Amino acid sequence: KPQGVCARVAIGQVLLSVRCKDSNSNHAQEALRRAKFKFPSHQKIIVSRKWGFTKYSRPDYIKWKSENRIISDGVNAK
């Protein structure tokens, strides 16, 4: 008898991504630490070096934003 919903997850696959301000980083990490007890096996909490969900690193994004080389595109950037 089915008990709930499940998903096949590969080793190394990202389960959750959270974007927040740097001032709330500690709260987000603590929330993810508590949430990982709800999943079987081991999980790692990794703080990205990228800016938000973009493919650009934090220093590059800040520098390029001041030079108007980056255009905001919703949650991403061009």
Protein backbone atom coordinates (compact mmCIF):
# COMPACT_ATOMS: atom_id res chain seq x y z
CA LYS A 1 0.00 0.00 0.00
CA PRO A 2 1.51 3.37 -0.98
CA GLN A 3 2.35 5.65 1.93
CA GLY A 4 3.37 8.87 0.18
CA VAL A 5 5.24 10.47 -2.68
CA CYS A 6 8.83 9.63 -3.58
CA ALA A 7 11.40 10.58 -6.19
CA ARG A 8 14.48 8.91 -7.59
CA VAL A 9 17.52 10.98 -6.71
CA ALA A 10 21.03 10.43 -8.01
CA ILE A 11 24.13 10.76 -5.86
CA GLY A 12 25.38 14.34 -6.02
CA GLN A 13 22.06 15.72 -7.29
CA VAL A 14 20.90 19.08 -5.89
CA LEU A 15 17.81 18.64 -3.70
CA LEU A 16 17.14 22.24 -2.64
CA SER A 17 18.39 25.66 -3.71
CA VAL A 18 17.75 28.72 -1.58
CA ARG A 19 18.54 32.32 -2.45
CA CYS A 20 18.66 34.92 0.32
CA LYS A 21 20.42 38.09 1.38
CA ASP A 22 23.85 37.76 2.94
CA SER A 23 22.45 39.07 6.23
CA ASN A 24 20.05 36.09 6.39
CA SER A 25 22.61 33.51 5.32
CA ASN A 26 22.99 32.02 8.80
CA HIS A 27 19.22 31.56 9.16
CA ALA A 28 18.97 29.84 5.77
CA GLN A 29 21.85 27.50 6.60
CA GLU A 30 20.25 26.58 9.92
CA ALA A 31 16.89 25.96 8.21
CA LEU A 32 18.56 23.66 5.66
CA ARG A 33 20.49 21.88 8.42
CA ARG A 34 17.22 21.12 10.20
CA ALA A 35 15.50 20.12 6.96
CA LYS A 36 18.17 17.58 6.06
CA PHE A 37 17.04 15.40 8.98
CA LYS A 38 13.80 14.79 7.05
CA PHE A 39 15.70 13.05 4.23
CA PRO A 40 17.40 9.67 4.48
CA SER A 41 21.16 9.33 3.92
CA HIS A 42 23.71 12.16 4.11
CA GLN A 43 23.32 15.66 2.72
CA LYS A 44 25.77 18.53 2.43
CA ILE A 45 24.97 22.21 2.74
CA ILE A 46 27.10 24.17 0.29
CA VAL A 47 27.19 27.97 0.06
CA SER A 48 27.65 28.90 -3.58
CA ARG A 49 30.31 31.32 -4.79
CA LYS A 50 27.90 32.52 -7.48
CA TRP A 51 25.60 35.53 -7.28
CA GLY A 52 22.03 34.27 -6.75
CA PHE A 53 21.07 31.73 -9.41
CA THR A 54 23.35 33.30 -12.04
CA LYS A 55 26.47 31.75 -13.52
CA TYR A 56 28.65 34.70 -12.45
CA SER A 57 30.85 34.86 -9.34
CA ARG A 58 30.06 37.46 -6.68
CA PRO A 59 33.02 39.83 -7.30
CA ASP A 60 32.54 39.69 -11.08
CA TYR A 61 28.81 40.36 -10.79
CA ILE A 62 29.30 43.40 -8.54
CA LYS A 63 32.05 44.79 -10.80
CA TRP A 64 30.09 44.22 -14.01
CA LYS A 65 26.87 45.61 -12.50
CA SER A 66 28.66 48.88 -11.64
CA GLU A 67 29.99 49.01 -15.23
CA ASN A 68 26.46 48.31 -16.63
CA ARG A 69 27.74 45.19 -18.41
CA ILE A 70 25.04 42.99 -16.84
CA ILE A 71 21.30 43.30 -17.43
CA SER A 72 18.94 41.90 -14.79
CA ASP A 73 16.53 39.35 -16.27
CA GLY A 74 14.15 38.33 -13.48
CA VAL A 75 15.99 35.84 -11.26
CA ASN A 76 18.85 35.56 -13.76
CA ALA A 77 21.19 37.99 -15.53
CA LYS A 78 22.42 38.52 -19.09
